[in-house]
N, C-alpha and C. Protein backbone atom coordinates (compact mmCIF):
# COMPACT_ATOMS: atom_id res chain seq x y z
N MET A 1 67.59 162.15 -32.44
CA MET A 1 67.25 163.60 -31.89
C MET A 1 67.35 164.89 -31.38
N SER A 2 67.30 164.20 -29.75
CA SER A 2 67.11 165.18 -29.29
C SER A 2 68.36 165.47 -28.80
N ARG A 3 68.81 164.68 -28.76
CA ARG A 3 70.96 163.88 -28.38
C ARG A 3 70.58 166.08 -29.02
N ILE A 4 70.73 165.87 -30.04
CA ILE A 4 71.36 167.10 -31.00
C ILE A 4 70.77 168.94 -30.45
N ILE A 5 69.25 168.29 -30.03
CA ILE A 5 69.26 169.57 -30.07
C ILE A 5 69.64 169.66 -28.56
N PHE A 6 69.39 168.95 -27.93
CA PHE A 6 69.83 169.46 -26.22
C PHE A 6 71.40 170.09 -26.39
N LEU A 7 71.92 170.01 -27.79
CA LEU A 7 72.96 171.02 -27.67
C LEU A 7 73.05 172.07 -27.56
N VAL A 8 72.14 172.71 -28.33
CA VAL A 8 72.37 174.53 -27.77
C VAL A 8 72.33 175.35 -26.99
N PRO A 9 71.15 174.52 -25.85
CA PRO A 9 70.96 175.18 -25.00
C PRO A 9 72.19 174.62 -24.00
N ILE A 10 73.25 173.30 -24.08
CA ILE A 10 74.09 173.13 -23.04
C ILE A 10 75.05 173.64 -23.73
N ILE A 11 75.26 174.44 -24.85
CA ILE A 11 76.54 175.06 -25.23
C ILE A 11 76.37 176.68 -24.65
N TYR A 12 75.44 177.24 -24.32
CA TYR A 12 75.08 178.37 -24.05
C TYR A 12 74.98 178.52 -22.74
N TYR A 13 74.78 176.96 -21.67
CA TYR A 13 74.91 177.05 -20.39
C TYR A 13 76.55 176.83 -19.89
N LEU A 14 77.18 176.30 -21.24
CA LEU A 14 78.48 176.18 -20.26
C LEU A 14 79.81 177.65 -21.01
N HIS A 15 78.67 178.24 -22.05
CA HIS A 15 79.26 179.34 -22.65
C HIS A 15 78.88 180.35 -20.88
N LEU A 16 77.93 181.11 -20.53
CA LEU A 16 77.77 181.17 -19.73
C LEU A 16 78.47 180.56 -17.89
N GLY A 17 78.54 179.26 -17.99
CA GLY A 17 79.82 179.26 -17.14
C GLY A 17 80.91 179.12 -17.23
N ALA A 18 81.43 179.74 -17.94
CA ALA A 18 82.84 180.21 -17.92
C ALA A 18 82.29 182.04 -17.24
N ILE A 19 81.77 182.40 -17.08
CA ILE A 19 81.95 183.10 -15.91
C ILE A 19 81.23 183.18 -15.09
N ASN A 20 80.36 182.31 -14.90
CA ASN A 20 79.70 181.89 -13.59
C ASN A 20 79.56 180.44 -13.59
N PRO A 21 80.50 179.90 -12.46
CA PRO A 21 80.20 178.27 -12.66
C PRO A 21 79.61 178.02 -11.97
N HIS A 22 78.10 178.18 -11.27
CA HIS A 22 76.91 178.03 -11.51
C HIS A 22 76.11 177.19 -12.54
N TYR A 23 75.72 178.25 -13.54
CA TYR A 23 75.51 178.33 -14.59
C TYR A 23 76.35 176.46 -15.49
N ASN A 24 76.94 176.39 -14.68
CA ASN A 24 77.62 174.94 -15.54
C ASN A 24 76.72 173.72 -14.52
N LEU A 25 75.88 174.14 -13.95
CA LEU A 25 74.77 173.23 -13.61
C LEU A 25 73.95 172.25 -14.59
N ASN A 26 73.41 173.77 -14.70
CA ASN A 26 72.21 174.08 -15.78
C ASN A 26 72.36 173.04 -17.23
N ALA A 27 74.10 173.33 -17.36
CA ALA A 27 74.00 172.52 -18.63
C ALA A 27 74.51 171.10 -18.41
N LEU A 28 74.84 170.44 -17.03
CA LEU A 28 74.85 169.00 -16.84
C LEU A 28 73.63 168.65 -16.23
N ILE A 29 72.88 169.09 -16.09
CA ILE A 29 71.62 168.83 -15.94
C ILE A 29 70.99 167.81 -17.57
N LEU A 30 71.24 169.54 -18.22
CA LEU A 30 70.58 168.88 -19.66
C LEU A 30 72.06 167.79 -20.27
N MET A 31 73.16 167.77 -19.88
CA MET A 31 73.79 166.19 -20.28
C MET A 31 73.35 165.29 -20.18
N PHE A 32 72.74 165.69 -18.70
CA PHE A 32 72.19 164.52 -17.77
C PHE A 32 71.05 164.19 -18.82
N ILE A 33 70.11 164.91 -18.37
CA ILE A 33 68.86 164.85 -19.70
C ILE A 33 68.97 163.71 -21.10
N GLY A 34 70.19 164.28 -21.69
CA GLY A 34 70.48 163.98 -23.44
C GLY A 34 71.14 162.79 -23.62
N ALA A 35 71.51 162.55 -21.39
CA ALA A 35 71.88 160.65 -22.45
C ALA A 35 71.31 160.10 -21.90
N LEU A 36 70.51 160.49 -21.12
CA LEU A 36 68.88 159.56 -20.39
C LEU A 36 68.73 158.89 -21.47
N THR A 37 68.20 160.11 -22.59
CA THR A 37 66.95 159.83 -23.63
C THR A 37 67.93 158.57 -24.60
N ASP A 38 69.41 158.65 -25.18
CA ASP A 38 69.88 157.70 -25.70
C ASP A 38 69.88 155.95 -24.89
N THR A 39 70.01 156.45 -23.70
CA THR A 39 70.36 154.97 -23.03
C THR A 39 68.22 154.63 -23.21
N LEU A 40 67.22 155.64 -23.01
CA LEU A 40 66.55 154.56 -23.28
C LEU A 40 65.75 154.71 -24.62
N ASP A 41 65.65 154.98 -24.88
CA ASP A 41 65.38 155.00 -26.95
C ASP A 41 66.65 153.69 -27.68
N GLY A 42 67.90 152.87 -27.18
CA GLY A 42 68.20 152.06 -26.84
C GLY A 42 67.29 150.48 -26.44
N GLN A 43 67.42 151.11 -25.13
CA GLN A 43 66.34 149.71 -24.61
C GLN A 43 65.01 149.92 -25.45
N LEU A 44 64.30 150.81 -25.15
CA LEU A 44 62.49 151.00 -26.26
C LEU A 44 62.78 149.80 -27.59
N ALA A 45 64.57 150.44 -28.18
CA ALA A 45 64.09 150.17 -30.03
C ALA A 45 64.37 148.66 -29.53
N ARG A 46 65.14 147.76 -28.36
CA ARG A 46 65.70 146.32 -28.98
C ARG A 46 64.04 145.62 -27.67
N ARG A 47 63.71 146.30 -26.81
CA ARG A 47 62.57 145.28 -26.06
C ARG A 47 61.37 145.26 -27.38
N LEU A 48 61.02 146.72 -28.02
CA LEU A 48 59.82 146.54 -29.19
C LEU A 48 61.13 145.94 -30.34
N HIS A 49 62.11 144.94 -30.32
CA HIS A 49 62.40 145.19 -31.57
C HIS A 49 62.19 145.47 -32.65
N GLN A 50 62.19 146.71 -33.12
CA GLN A 50 62.78 148.33 -34.07
C GLN A 50 64.01 148.33 -34.25
N VAL A 51 64.97 146.70 -33.97
CA VAL A 51 66.24 147.79 -33.92
C VAL A 51 66.87 147.76 -36.17
N THR A 52 67.21 148.59 -35.67
CA THR A 52 67.41 148.94 -37.48
C THR A 52 68.53 149.02 -37.94
N GLU A 53 68.95 148.90 -39.38
CA GLU A 53 69.99 149.86 -40.69
C GLU A 53 70.25 150.66 -39.69
N VAL A 54 69.22 151.69 -39.87
CA VAL A 54 69.59 152.88 -39.61
C VAL A 54 70.01 153.15 -38.92
N GLY A 55 69.21 152.88 -37.57
CA GLY A 55 69.40 153.00 -36.06
C GLY A 55 71.02 152.85 -36.32
N LYS A 56 71.08 150.96 -35.81
CA LYS A 56 73.40 151.55 -35.67
C LYS A 56 73.65 152.12 -35.88
N ILE A 57 73.47 153.11 -37.39
CA ILE A 57 74.23 154.44 -38.31
C ILE A 57 73.57 155.01 -37.19
N ILE A 58 72.96 155.77 -37.33
CA ILE A 58 72.76 157.02 -36.50
C ILE A 58 72.47 157.23 -34.85
N ASP A 59 72.45 156.49 -34.48
CA ASP A 59 72.29 156.32 -33.13
C ASP A 59 73.46 156.71 -32.30
N PRO A 60 75.27 156.00 -33.20
CA PRO A 60 76.26 156.57 -32.93
C PRO A 60 76.93 157.21 -33.20
N ILE A 61 76.27 158.06 -34.22
CA ILE A 61 76.48 159.41 -34.63
C ILE A 61 76.11 160.25 -34.09
N ALA A 62 75.30 160.42 -34.06
CA ALA A 62 74.49 161.02 -32.33
C ALA A 62 75.41 161.25 -31.17
N ASP A 63 75.99 159.85 -31.18
CA ASP A 63 76.47 160.45 -29.96
C ASP A 63 77.77 161.09 -29.84
N LYS A 64 78.57 161.04 -31.27
CA LYS A 64 79.70 161.01 -31.58
C LYS A 64 79.27 163.25 -32.10
N ILE A 65 78.32 163.72 -32.37
CA ILE A 65 77.86 164.69 -33.33
C ILE A 65 77.74 165.35 -31.66
N GLY A 66 77.49 164.66 -30.33
CA GLY A 66 77.21 165.08 -29.39
C GLY A 66 78.06 165.72 -28.30
N ILE A 67 79.15 164.63 -27.78
CA ILE A 67 80.40 164.33 -27.14
C ILE A 67 81.32 165.59 -28.02
N ALA A 68 81.84 165.81 -29.44
CA ALA A 68 82.32 166.42 -30.31
C ALA A 68 81.32 167.35 -30.40
N VAL A 69 81.04 167.98 -29.95
CA VAL A 69 80.19 169.76 -29.71
C VAL A 69 80.41 170.26 -28.81
N ILE A 70 80.54 168.97 -27.27
CA ILE A 70 80.57 169.38 -25.77
C ILE A 70 82.70 169.53 -26.25
N LEU A 71 83.38 168.29 -26.43
CA LEU A 71 84.82 168.42 -26.19
C LEU A 71 85.28 169.55 -27.44
N ILE A 72 84.80 170.14 -28.46
CA ILE A 72 85.66 171.16 -29.06
C ILE A 72 85.58 172.35 -28.25
N TYR A 73 83.13 172.58 -28.03
CA TYR A 73 83.93 174.09 -27.00
C TYR A 73 84.75 173.78 -26.22
N LEU A 74 84.64 172.77 -25.28
CA LEU A 74 85.84 173.14 -23.84
C LEU A 74 87.00 173.44 -24.03
N ALA A 75 87.74 172.43 -25.66
CA ALA A 75 88.94 172.95 -26.35
C ALA A 75 89.43 173.50 -26.23
N VAL A 76 88.34 174.29 -26.72
CA VAL A 76 88.66 176.30 -27.32
C VAL A 76 88.45 176.91 -26.39
N THR A 77 87.16 176.71 -25.78
CA THR A 77 86.62 178.64 -24.63
C THR A 77 87.63 177.30 -23.24
N ARG A 78 88.04 177.07 -22.83
CA ARG A 78 88.28 176.63 -21.28
C ARG A 78 90.16 176.38 -21.37
N GLY A 79 90.67 177.01 -21.69
CA GLY A 79 92.51 177.06 -21.33
C GLY A 79 92.77 175.42 -20.82
N ASP A 80 92.15 174.60 -19.87
CA ASP A 80 92.18 173.69 -18.72
C ASP A 80 91.87 172.68 -19.40
N PHE A 81 91.29 172.31 -20.24
CA PHE A 81 90.66 171.56 -20.71
C PHE A 81 91.73 171.14 -22.19
N PRO A 82 91.88 170.00 -22.05
CA PRO A 82 92.89 169.23 -22.53
C PRO A 82 92.69 169.13 -23.85
N THR A 83 93.46 169.93 -25.08
CA THR A 83 92.61 169.68 -26.60
C THR A 83 93.07 168.52 -26.61
N TRP A 84 94.82 168.24 -25.95
CA TRP A 84 95.10 166.87 -26.92
C TRP A 84 94.65 165.30 -26.38
N PHE A 85 93.67 165.59 -25.35
CA PHE A 85 92.38 164.33 -25.20
C PHE A 85 91.54 164.03 -26.68
N VAL A 86 90.95 165.62 -26.90
CA VAL A 86 90.02 165.86 -27.89
C VAL A 86 90.16 165.32 -29.23
N LEU A 87 92.17 165.82 -29.78
CA LEU A 87 92.67 165.41 -30.79
C LEU A 87 92.91 163.69 -30.78
N PHE A 88 92.96 162.68 -29.44
CA PHE A 88 93.46 161.84 -29.64
C PHE A 88 91.50 160.70 -29.86
N ALA A 89 90.98 161.27 -29.57
CA ALA A 89 88.95 160.96 -29.43
C ALA A 89 88.55 160.99 -30.86
N PHE A 90 88.81 162.16 -31.26
CA PHE A 90 88.71 162.62 -33.12
C PHE A 90 89.02 161.82 -33.59
N ALA A 91 90.93 161.10 -33.59
CA ALA A 91 91.51 160.71 -34.69
C ALA A 91 91.06 159.02 -34.49
N ARG A 92 90.74 159.01 -33.15
CA ARG A 92 90.32 157.30 -33.21
C ARG A 92 89.35 157.41 -33.27
N ASP A 93 87.53 158.14 -33.25
CA ASP A 93 87.12 157.81 -34.05
C ASP A 93 86.82 158.16 -35.57
N ILE A 94 87.78 159.33 -35.99
CA ILE A 94 87.60 158.94 -37.38
C ILE A 94 88.33 158.16 -38.83
N VAL A 95 89.09 156.91 -37.79
CA VAL A 95 89.96 155.91 -38.53
C VAL A 95 88.61 155.12 -38.32
N ILE A 96 87.99 154.50 -37.07
CA ILE A 96 86.37 153.64 -37.67
C ILE A 96 86.10 154.08 -38.39
N PHE A 97 85.51 155.32 -38.24
CA PHE A 97 84.59 155.95 -38.53
C PHE A 97 85.03 155.48 -40.65
N VAL A 98 86.30 155.79 -41.09
CA VAL A 98 87.02 155.47 -42.70
C VAL A 98 86.85 153.60 -42.62
N VAL A 99 87.26 152.78 -41.28
CA VAL A 99 86.95 152.08 -41.54
C VAL A 99 85.92 151.25 -42.07
N GLY A 100 85.16 151.69 -41.19
CA GLY A 100 83.58 151.13 -40.90
C GLY A 100 82.55 151.64 -42.80
N LEU A 101 82.94 152.56 -43.23
CA LEU A 101 82.68 153.13 -44.90
C LEU A 101 83.43 152.31 -45.48
N TYR A 102 84.35 152.04 -46.11
CA TYR A 102 84.64 150.17 -46.80
C TYR A 102 84.67 149.41 -45.45
N VAL A 103 84.27 148.21 -45.09
CA VAL A 103 83.81 147.72 -44.55
C VAL A 103 82.13 147.44 -45.47
N LYS A 104 81.76 149.03 -45.65
CA LYS A 104 80.37 148.35 -45.66
C LYS A 104 80.31 149.21 -47.16
N LYS A 105 80.86 149.44 -48.15
CA LYS A 105 81.13 149.52 -49.20
C LYS A 105 81.62 148.01 -50.09
N LYS A 106 82.72 147.82 -48.94
CA LYS A 106 83.93 147.03 -49.85
C LYS A 106 82.17 145.49 -49.41
N TYR A 107 82.38 145.57 -48.29
CA TYR A 107 81.34 144.00 -47.88
C TYR A 107 79.30 143.95 -47.32
N ASN A 108 79.33 145.05 -47.44
CA ASN A 108 77.42 145.59 -47.27
C ASN A 108 77.86 145.44 -46.13
N TYR A 109 78.33 145.67 -45.29
CA TYR A 109 78.12 145.43 -43.61
C TYR A 109 79.04 146.27 -42.67
N ILE A 110 77.63 146.71 -41.78
CA ILE A 110 77.90 147.11 -40.83
C ILE A 110 78.24 146.85 -39.21
N PHE A 111 79.33 147.98 -39.10
CA PHE A 111 79.41 147.25 -37.43
C PHE A 111 78.56 147.57 -36.36
N MET A 112 77.99 146.95 -35.47
CA MET A 112 77.40 147.57 -35.07
C MET A 112 78.41 147.74 -33.33
N SER A 113 77.83 148.89 -32.43
CA SER A 113 78.99 149.19 -31.07
C SER A 113 79.07 147.77 -29.99
N ASN A 114 80.07 147.79 -29.74
CA ASN A 114 80.15 146.67 -28.57
C ASN A 114 79.83 147.40 -27.67
N MET A 115 79.73 146.85 -26.41
CA MET A 115 79.38 146.41 -25.06
C MET A 115 81.33 147.47 -24.73
N LEU A 116 81.88 147.67 -25.29
CA LEU A 116 82.99 147.92 -24.82
C LEU A 116 83.52 150.09 -25.98
N GLY A 117 82.44 149.43 -26.16
CA GLY A 117 82.59 150.60 -26.82
C GLY A 117 81.64 151.21 -26.68
N LYS A 118 80.66 151.18 -25.91
CA LYS A 118 78.69 151.31 -25.19
C LYS A 118 79.39 152.57 -24.40
N VAL A 119 80.53 151.72 -23.15
CA VAL A 119 81.42 152.72 -22.27
C VAL A 119 82.50 153.20 -21.92
N THR A 120 82.73 152.84 -23.42
CA THR A 120 84.02 154.15 -23.64
C THR A 120 83.37 155.23 -23.76
N VAL A 121 82.10 155.60 -24.22
CA VAL A 121 81.13 156.53 -24.73
C VAL A 121 81.11 157.04 -23.40
N THR A 122 80.24 155.90 -22.37
CA THR A 122 79.74 157.01 -21.48
C THR A 122 80.63 157.19 -20.42
N VAL A 123 81.62 156.71 -20.47
CA VAL A 123 83.13 156.85 -19.64
C VAL A 123 83.44 158.73 -20.02
N MET A 124 83.49 158.22 -21.61
CA MET A 124 84.10 159.15 -21.64
C MET A 124 82.58 160.86 -21.65
N ALA A 125 82.12 160.34 -21.74
CA ALA A 125 80.83 161.63 -21.52
C ALA A 125 80.52 162.62 -19.86
N LEU A 126 80.80 161.40 -18.92
CA LEU A 126 81.05 161.18 -17.17
C LEU A 126 82.67 162.53 -17.32
N THR A 127 83.65 161.82 -18.02
CA THR A 127 84.71 162.68 -17.64
C THR A 127 83.92 164.48 -18.23
N ILE A 128 83.13 164.70 -19.42
CA ILE A 128 82.38 166.00 -19.57
C ILE A 128 81.78 166.74 -17.96
N LEU A 129 80.86 165.59 -17.87
CA LEU A 129 79.94 165.71 -16.87
C LEU A 129 80.53 165.82 -15.56
N VAL A 130 81.45 165.39 -15.62
CA VAL A 130 82.81 165.73 -13.92
C VAL A 130 83.26 167.30 -14.72
N TYR A 131 84.07 167.34 -15.22
CA TYR A 131 84.83 168.60 -15.77
C TYR A 131 83.83 169.86 -15.68
N THR A 132 82.87 169.27 -15.51
CA THR A 132 82.05 171.20 -15.98
C THR A 132 81.43 170.93 -14.47
N VAL A 133 81.61 170.22 -13.80
CA VAL A 133 80.97 171.02 -12.23
C VAL A 133 82.20 170.88 -11.28
N LYS A 134 83.62 170.39 -11.59
CA LYS A 134 84.75 169.88 -11.35
C LYS A 134 85.50 171.68 -10.26
N ASP A 135 84.91 172.67 -10.57
CA ASP A 135 85.30 173.56 -10.23
C ASP A 135 84.76 173.69 -8.63
N LEU A 136 83.58 173.08 -8.74
CA LEU A 136 81.82 173.95 -8.09
C LEU A 136 82.22 173.23 -6.91
N TYR A 137 82.47 171.88 -7.30
CA TYR A 137 82.74 170.56 -5.78
C TYR A 137 84.32 169.79 -6.17
N TYR A 138 85.60 170.23 -6.15
CA TYR A 138 86.38 170.63 -6.04
C TYR A 138 86.34 168.63 -6.67
N LEU A 139 86.39 168.83 -7.62
CA LEU A 139 86.76 167.02 -8.44
C LEU A 139 87.80 167.31 -9.32
N GLU A 140 89.04 167.78 -8.85
CA GLU A 140 89.77 168.18 -10.01
C GLU A 140 90.84 166.19 -10.32
N ILE A 141 91.02 165.62 -9.12
CA ILE A 141 91.59 164.83 -8.63
C ILE A 141 89.91 163.50 -9.87
N PHE A 142 89.21 163.66 -9.23
CA PHE A 142 87.91 162.55 -9.73
C PHE A 142 87.91 163.04 -11.48
N PHE A 143 87.79 164.26 -11.53
CA PHE A 143 88.31 164.22 -13.46
C PHE A 143 89.54 163.86 -14.23
N GLN A 144 90.69 164.04 -13.38
CA GLN A 144 92.25 163.35 -14.15
C GLN A 144 91.77 161.92 -13.95
N PHE A 145 90.93 161.28 -13.42
CA PHE A 145 90.13 159.48 -13.01
C PHE A 145 89.91 159.71 -13.88
N CYS A 146 89.18 160.10 -14.34
CA CYS A 146 88.22 159.54 -15.53
C CYS A 146 88.02 160.03 -16.33
N LEU A 147 89.31 161.88 -17.16
CA LEU A 147 90.01 161.34 -17.69
C LEU A 147 90.45 160.64 -18.20
N TRP A 148 92.06 160.03 -18.02
CA TRP A 148 92.47 159.05 -18.10
C TRP A 148 92.01 157.66 -18.21
N SER A 149 90.97 157.11 -17.22
CA SER A 149 89.57 155.71 -17.83
C SER A 149 89.82 156.29 -19.06
N SER A 150 89.41 157.01 -19.28
CA SER A 150 88.18 157.11 -21.16
C SER A 150 89.84 156.83 -22.35
N VAL A 151 90.86 158.00 -21.69
CA VAL A 151 92.38 157.53 -22.52
C VAL A 151 92.61 155.59 -22.76
N VAL A 152 92.64 155.32 -21.54
CA VAL A 152 92.58 153.73 -21.35
C VAL A 152 91.38 153.02 -22.34
N LEU A 153 90.23 153.49 -22.03
CA LEU A 153 88.97 152.92 -22.91
C LEU A 153 88.79 152.69 -24.25
N LEU A 154 89.81 154.78 -24.99
CA LEU A 154 89.84 155.15 -26.45
C LEU A 154 90.01 153.20 -26.63
N ILE A 155 92.12 153.22 -25.84
CA ILE A 155 92.57 152.60 -26.03
C ILE A 155 92.32 150.97 -26.81
N ALA A 156 91.07 150.68 -25.35
CA ALA A 156 91.36 149.37 -25.59
C ALA A 156 90.13 149.26 -26.49
N SER A 157 89.23 149.72 -26.73
CA SER A 157 87.74 149.75 -28.05
C SER A 157 88.34 150.26 -28.84
N SER A 158 89.84 150.78 -28.95
CA SER A 158 89.97 150.95 -29.74
C SER A 158 90.09 149.06 -31.39
N VAL A 159 91.80 148.32 -30.15
CA VAL A 159 91.74 147.37 -30.34
C VAL A 159 91.36 146.73 -30.24
N SER A 160 89.87 146.36 -30.01
CA SER A 160 88.47 145.39 -29.26
C SER A 160 88.41 145.58 -30.84
N TYR A 161 88.45 146.85 -31.22
CA TYR A 161 87.32 147.20 -32.44
C TYR A 161 88.31 146.57 -33.80
N ALA A 162 89.88 146.41 -33.64
CA ALA A 162 90.36 146.25 -34.79
C ALA A 162 90.89 144.77 -34.61
N ILE A 163 90.11 143.69 -33.39
CA ILE A 163 90.68 142.25 -33.72
C ILE A 163 88.77 141.62 -33.86
N ARG A 164 88.09 142.74 -33.95
CA ARG A 164 86.70 142.80 -34.43
C ARG A 164 87.03 142.86 -36.12
N LEU A 165 87.75 143.58 -36.74
CA LEU A 165 87.51 143.44 -37.93
C LEU A 165 88.59 142.74 -38.38
N ALA A 166 89.44 142.40 -37.90
CA ALA A 166 91.06 141.25 -37.88
C ALA A 166 90.20 139.66 -38.07
N SER A 167 88.98 140.29 -37.99
CA SER A 167 88.35 138.92 -37.09
C SER A 167 87.16 138.14 -39.05
N PHE A 168 86.72 139.48 -38.67
CA PHE A 168 84.90 139.92 -40.12
C PHE A 168 86.12 139.60 -41.27
N ILE A 169 87.07 140.42 -41.46
CA ILE A 169 87.90 140.22 -42.62
C ILE A 169 87.79 138.04 -43.08
N ARG A 170 88.55 137.79 -42.25
CA ARG A 170 89.35 136.58 -42.51
C ARG A 170 88.07 135.61 -42.62
N GLY A 171 86.70 135.89 -42.26
CA GLY A 171 85.74 134.86 -42.16
C GLY A 171 85.29 135.40 -43.41
N GLN A 172 85.47 135.54 -43.52
CA GLN A 172 85.04 137.00 -45.41
C GLN A 172 86.13 135.78 -46.57
N ARG A 173 87.26 135.76 -46.23
CA ARG A 173 88.47 135.27 -47.47
C ARG A 173 88.05 133.94 -47.05
N ALA A 174 87.66 133.37 -45.97
CA ALA A 174 87.71 132.22 -46.54
C ALA A 174 86.60 130.99 -47.60
């Protein structure tokens, strides 16, 4: 929930950052804190043996909402943020979401995020973080590296999910 609440001040500072890039540092700090709460939440749930079916659904949704809101905002308001990247990431997430709903309905099973999916979300978040301050610290090349790394990971994690899905369905038919 805290990650969703953090979106309001993040968007506010990103808005101000379009006028004065130094405000982007405030957005960066808030994004970093939001990511930290995600990490701590997951570690606590596992350590305290409180991983739940609801948590398996809500946690990735909170990640997706946070990243989606920021990506949409940047694509709409900043001319140098690649809209194609936002569309590509959304298309992938929509497919995974729809397939997940199908599997839940037909087999009453929920796929947990795997490590590759978590790395993908982390690198996408890093891409956003770097973009936020790239003009202040001359990080355009690093931003491009993060952007293309995100694309590669989006593709790789999509293939990974497809393989897991195929394996699951084969197991159900056996």
